[in-house]
Amino acid sequence: MERKRIAYHYLNYLEEGNMSAIITLFDINGTVNSPIYGIKKASDFYTQLNEDTYSSELELKGLFEEANTSRLALYFCYTWILKNKERVTFDVVDIIEFTKQGKIKTLNIIYDTVVTRTLIEKLNS
């Protein structure tokens, strides 16, 4: 599957809350680097995210492929509704690095966590 298609599948699965489908996009040793959850194996990250999430809404703003590399970036607006129904909306950049086999090797998530961190701490306290 080409990288752009994988990226679109990733966004769709994230919005649907289909964490098991997201995990299939990753290499067995794939990792996620999140400003809230830290660096985790993909399956551990999406399990934790699912535990904290009621639903998600995404609006893609751009997809950027870096020429002659295995990287691609997604820029989107993410509305995250937590299990306790608190809502936070923020812009995100996800930088995805792929293996030669077309699986996600690493996903680096970049966004401002000022509001989100407080809500997650409240949810998990």
C-alpha atoms as a PDB file:
ATOM      1  CA  MET A   1       0.000   0.000   0.000  1.00  0.00           C
ATOM      2  CA  GLU A   2       1.425   3.379  -0.915  1.00  0.00           C
ATOM      3  CA  ARG A   3       2.318   5.827   1.860  1.00  0.00           C
ATOM      4  CA  LYS A   4      -0.473   8.324   1.105  1.00  0.00           C
ATOM      5  CA  ARG A   5      -3.114   5.604   1.244  1.00  0.00           C
ATOM      6  CA  ILE A   6      -1.733   4.366   4.553  1.00  0.00           C
ATOM      7  CA  ALA A   7      -1.862   7.920   5.913  1.00  0.00           C
ATOM      8  CA  TYR A   8      -5.501   8.349   4.844  1.00  0.00           C
ATOM      9  CA  HIS A   9      -6.385   4.975   6.354  1.00  0.00           C
ATOM     10  CA  TYR A  10      -4.645   6.043   9.551  1.00  0.00           C
ATOM     11  CA  LEU A  11      -6.744   9.213   9.809  1.00  0.00           C
ATOM     12  CA  ASN A  12      -9.982   7.366   9.060  1.00  0.00           C
ATOM     13  CA  TYR A  13      -9.248   4.654  11.624  1.00  0.00           C
ATOM     14  CA  LEU A  14      -8.319   7.275  14.218  1.00  0.00           C
ATOM     15  CA  GLU A  15     -11.579   9.142  13.709  1.00  0.00           C
ATOM     16  CA  GLU A  16     -13.549   5.872  13.845  1.00  0.00           C
ATOM     17  CA  GLY A  17     -11.750   4.787  17.016  1.00  0.00           C
ATOM     18  CA  ASN A  18     -10.613   1.606  15.257  1.00  0.00           C
ATOM     19  CA  MET A  19      -7.400   1.119  17.207  1.00  0.00           C
ATOM     20  CA  SER A  20      -6.879  -2.493  16.124  1.00  0.00           C
ATOM     21  CA  ALA A  21      -6.916  -1.385  12.467  1.00  0.00           C
ATOM     22  CA  ILE A  22      -4.427   1.396  13.217  1.00  0.00           C
ATOM     23  CA  ILE A  23      -2.052  -1.082  14.825  1.00  0.00           C
ATOM     24  CA  THR A  24      -2.050  -3.207  11.630  1.00  0.00           C
ATOM     25  CA  LEU A  25      -0.550  -0.220   9.790  1.00  0.00           C
ATOM     26  CA  PHE A  26       2.523  -0.335  12.055  1.00  0.00           C
ATOM     27  CA  ASP A  27       5.605  -2.505  11.902  1.00  0.00           C
ATOM     28  CA  ILE A  28       5.707  -5.030  14.753  1.00  0.00           C
ATOM     29  CA  ASN A  29       8.313  -2.815  16.470  1.00  0.00           C
ATOM     30  CA  GLY A  30       6.593   0.445  15.490  1.00  0.00           C
ATOM     31  CA  THR A  31       6.546   3.273  18.020  1.00  0.00           C
ATOM     32  CA  VAL A  32       4.604   6.441  18.713  1.00  0.00           C
ATOM     33  CA  ASN A  33       6.183   9.517  20.274  1.00  0.00           C
ATOM     34  CA  SER A  34       3.419  11.546  21.924  1.00  0.00           C
ATOM     35  CA  PRO A  35       3.766  14.746  23.954  1.00  0.00           C
ATOM     36  CA  ILE A  36       1.178  13.380  26.430  1.00  0.00           C
ATOM     37  CA  TYR A  37       1.980   9.667  26.639  1.00  0.00           C
ATOM     38  CA  GLY A  38       5.709   9.668  25.773  1.00  0.00           C
ATOM     39  CA  ILE A  39       7.407   7.100  23.552  1.00  0.00           C
ATOM     40  CA  LYS A  40       5.481   3.832  23.455  1.00  0.00           C
ATOM     41  CA  LYS A  41       5.117   0.748  21.342  1.00  0.00           C
ATOM     42  CA  ALA A  42       2.235   1.468  18.935  1.00  0.00           C
ATOM     43  CA  SER A  43      -0.066  -1.156  20.458  1.00  0.00           C
ATOM     44  CA  ASP A  44       0.503   0.263  23.963  1.00  0.00           C
ATOM     45  CA  PHE A  45      -0.039   3.840  22.811  1.00  0.00           C
ATOM     46  CA  TYR A  46      -3.323   3.129  21.014  1.00  0.00           C
ATOM     47  CA  THR A  47      -4.588   1.038  23.926  1.00  0.00           C
ATOM     48  CA  GLN A  48      -3.980   3.993  26.272  1.00  0.00           C
ATOM     49  CA  LEU A  49      -5.471   6.478  23.810  1.00  0.00           C
ATOM     50  CA  ASN A  50      -8.566   4.306  23.449  1.00  0.00           C
ATOM     51  CA  GLU A  51      -8.964   4.110  27.239  1.00  0.00           C
ATOM     52  CA  ASP A  52      -8.992   7.918  27.447  1.00  0.00           C
ATOM     53  CA  THR A  53     -11.160   8.608  24.379  1.00  0.00           C
ATOM     54  CA  TYR A  54     -14.913   8.841  23.968  1.00  0.00           C
ATOM     55  CA  SER A  55     -14.701   9.954  20.323  1.00  0.00           C
ATOM     56  CA  SER A  56     -12.587  11.915  17.850  1.00  0.00           C
ATOM     57  CA  GLU A  57     -13.244  14.295  14.984  1.00  0.00           C
ATOM     58  CA  LEU A  58     -10.543  15.115  12.440  1.00  0.00           C
ATOM     59  CA  GLU A  59     -10.229  17.703   9.712  1.00  0.00           C
ATOM     60  CA  LEU A  60      -7.287  17.160   7.375  1.00  0.00           C
ATOM     61  CA  LYS A  61      -5.511  20.407   6.480  1.00  0.00           C
ATOM     62  CA  GLY A  62      -2.615  18.968   4.507  1.00  0.00           C
ATOM     63  CA  LEU A  63      -0.528  15.949   3.638  1.00  0.00           C
ATOM     64  CA  PHE A  64       3.138  16.514   2.844  1.00  0.00           C
ATOM     65  CA  GLU A  65       5.533  13.961   1.391  1.00  0.00           C
ATOM     66  CA  GLU A  66       9.224  14.561   1.819  1.00  0.00           C
ATOM     67  CA  ALA A  67      10.972  13.742  -1.460  1.00  0.00           C
ATOM     68  CA  ASN A  68      13.558  10.957  -1.471  1.00  0.00           C
ATOM     69  CA  THR A  69      12.821   9.912   2.117  1.00  0.00           C
ATOM     70  CA  SER A  70      10.565   7.481   3.923  1.00  0.00           C
ATOM     71  CA  ARG A  71       8.729  10.310   5.712  1.00  0.00           C
ATOM     72  CA  LEU A  72       5.349  11.928   5.320  1.00  0.00           C
ATOM     73  CA  ALA A  73       3.590  14.546   7.460  1.00  0.00           C
ATOM     74  CA  LEU A  74      -0.094  14.977   8.213  1.00  0.00           C
ATOM     75  CA  TYR A  75      -1.445  18.335   9.346  1.00  0.00           C
ATOM     76  CA  PHE A  76      -4.932  18.209  10.819  1.00  0.00           C
ATOM     77  CA  CYS A  77      -7.325  19.685  13.338  1.00  0.00           C
ATOM     78  CA  TYR A  78      -8.148  17.160  16.049  1.00  0.00           C
ATOM     79  CA  THR A  79     -11.208  17.407  18.274  1.00  0.00           C
ATOM     80  CA  TRP A  80     -10.671  14.930  21.074  1.00  0.00           C
ATOM     81  CA  ILE A  81     -13.617  14.075  23.286  1.00  0.00           C
ATOM     82  CA  LEU A  82     -12.355  12.344  26.408  1.00  0.00           C
ATOM     83  CA  LYS A  83     -14.146   9.548  28.270  1.00  0.00           C
ATOM     84  CA  ASN A  84     -15.553  12.119  30.717  1.00  0.00           C
ATOM     85  CA  LYS A  85     -16.987  14.067  27.705  1.00  0.00           C
ATOM     86  CA  GLU A  86     -14.490  16.942  28.091  1.00  0.00           C
ATOM     87  CA  ARG A  87     -13.631  18.311  24.643  1.00  0.00           C
ATOM     88  CA  VAL A  88     -10.393  19.813  23.403  1.00  0.00           C
ATOM     89  CA  THR A  89      -9.567  20.959  19.862  1.00  0.00           C
ATOM     90  CA  PHE A  90      -6.048  21.552  18.570  1.00  0.00           C
ATOM     91  CA  ASP A  91      -3.924  21.458  15.432  1.00  0.00           C
ATOM     92  CA  VAL A  92      -1.592  18.480  15.085  1.00  0.00           C
ATOM     93  CA  VAL A  93       1.305  17.500  12.880  1.00  0.00           C
ATOM     94  CA  ASP A  94       2.016  13.771  12.700  1.00  0.00           C
ATOM     95  CA  ILE A  95       5.331  12.858  11.115  1.00  0.00           C
ATOM     96  CA  ILE A  96       5.287   9.283   9.887  1.00  0.00           C
ATOM     97  CA  GLU A  97       8.391   7.307   8.976  1.00  0.00           C
ATOM     98  CA  PHE A  98       7.835   4.120   6.990  1.00  0.00           C
ATOM     99  CA  THR A  99       9.787   0.887   6.748  1.00  0.00           C
ATOM    100  CA  LYS A 100      10.902  -0.387   3.348  1.00  0.00           C
ATOM    101  CA  GLN A 101       7.978  -2.822   3.572  1.00  0.00           C
ATOM    102  CA  GLY A 102       5.465   0.066   3.762  1.00  0.00           C
ATOM    103  CA  LYS A 103       4.629  -0.228   7.462  1.00  0.00           C
ATOM    104  CA  ILE A 104       4.774   2.665   9.916  1.00  0.00           C
ATOM    105  CA  LYS A 105       8.086   2.549  11.772  1.00  0.00           C
ATOM    106  CA  THR A 106       7.633   5.691  13.873  1.00  0.00           C
ATOM    107  CA  LEU A 107       4.905   8.270  14.305  1.00  0.00           C
ATOM    108  CA  ASN A 108       5.894  11.542  15.971  1.00  0.00           C
ATOM    109  CA  ILE A 109       2.974  13.641  17.183  1.00  0.00           C
ATOM    110  CA  ILE A 110       3.487  17.393  17.532  1.00  0.00           C
ATOM    111  CA  TYR A 111       0.984  19.742  19.177  1.00  0.00           C
ATOM    112  CA  ASP A 112       0.592  22.230  22.022  1.00  0.00           C
ATOM    113  CA  THR A 113      -0.413  20.293  25.146  1.00  0.00           C
ATOM    114  CA  VAL A 114      -1.216  23.123  27.561  1.00  0.00           C
ATOM    115  CA  VAL A 115      -4.966  22.431  27.725  1.00  0.00           C
ATOM    116  CA  THR A 116      -4.814  18.740  26.837  1.00  0.00           C
ATOM    117  CA  ARG A 117      -2.315  17.803  29.563  1.00  0.00           C
ATOM    118  CA  THR A 118      -4.537  19.350  32.247  1.00  0.00           C
ATOM    119  CA  LEU A 119      -7.609  17.490  30.979  1.00  0.00           C
ATOM    120  CA  ILE A 120      -5.787  14.136  30.807  1.00  0.00           C
ATOM    121  CA  GLU A 121      -4.404  14.593  34.314  1.00  0.00           C
ATOM    122  CA  LYS A 122      -7.921  15.392  35.543  1.00  0.00           C
ATOM    123  CA  LEU A 123      -9.347  12.351  33.715  1.00  0.00           C
ATOM    124  CA  ASN A 124      -6.758   9.985  35.176  1.00  0.00           C
ATOM    125  CA  SER A 125      -6.742  11.325  38.746  1.00  0.00           C
END
